[in-house]
Amino acid sequence: MIEALLLAAASPAMTALDAERAFIADAQKLGQWTAFRKYAADDAVMFVPQQVNAQAFLKDRADPPVSVYWWPGKSFVSCDGSYAVNTGPWVRQWGKAVGYFTTIWKRQADGSWKWIYDGGDGLETMRAEGGDIKPRVANCAKTPQAPPPKLGLTQGGTSGSGQSADGTLAWRWFVRADGSRTLEVLLWNGSSWDAVLNDDVGPAQ
């Protein structure tokens, strides 16, 4: 028992990239929606195309015969390590359909990670991203004293936002009545905000 605890203590902490890769592996092994349920927080949101609670939407949903496959191409992490945003390519049907995903992750009290936002879209051409990527971590110096400016919103939709406890990673999303939506992710660079990600998804077809 003591030896097991010592080994656990010596193991490096799981990162959001580790969690993403475990999520991908489980989607292939356990089934797509089974894995989505396993890694989603109770209050996680996804878009179909309007915002829904992911756990409620995915409950009892049958897994497709072949899971979508995806991999992280970029990762942005708050200074305190409590939140992260991963984005990168996905493929379906062995490349017959391609696109990108964006997942926002929250570290749990036990050190594991759960996703709280899942989005993305199809593309004509796959993004050239991936490999042995390194996360971009927010600057820990002079943490912001105020939240970032609000995303300009139009009427007739719903929105949400969040920010790490130390204020160095922030995001806000907006979905319009026609199903189009925007996600903006901002990372603190020590003196100002960098807009590191802006996902614009067109109207639902």
Foldseek 3Di string as FASTA:
>chain_A
DVVVVVVVVPDDFDAVQNQVVVLQVCCQVVAPLVSLLVQADQQAWEDPLAIDRSNVVSVVPDGDPGHKGWHFFAKEAEQVRFKMKTKFKIADPVRPWIWMKIWIWGQDPVRHIHTRYIYIDTDPDGDPGDDPDDYHYADPAPQDPDADDDDDDDPAWDKDKDADPSRFKIKMKIAHPQSWMWIWIWGHHNPDIDGPDIDTGDGDD
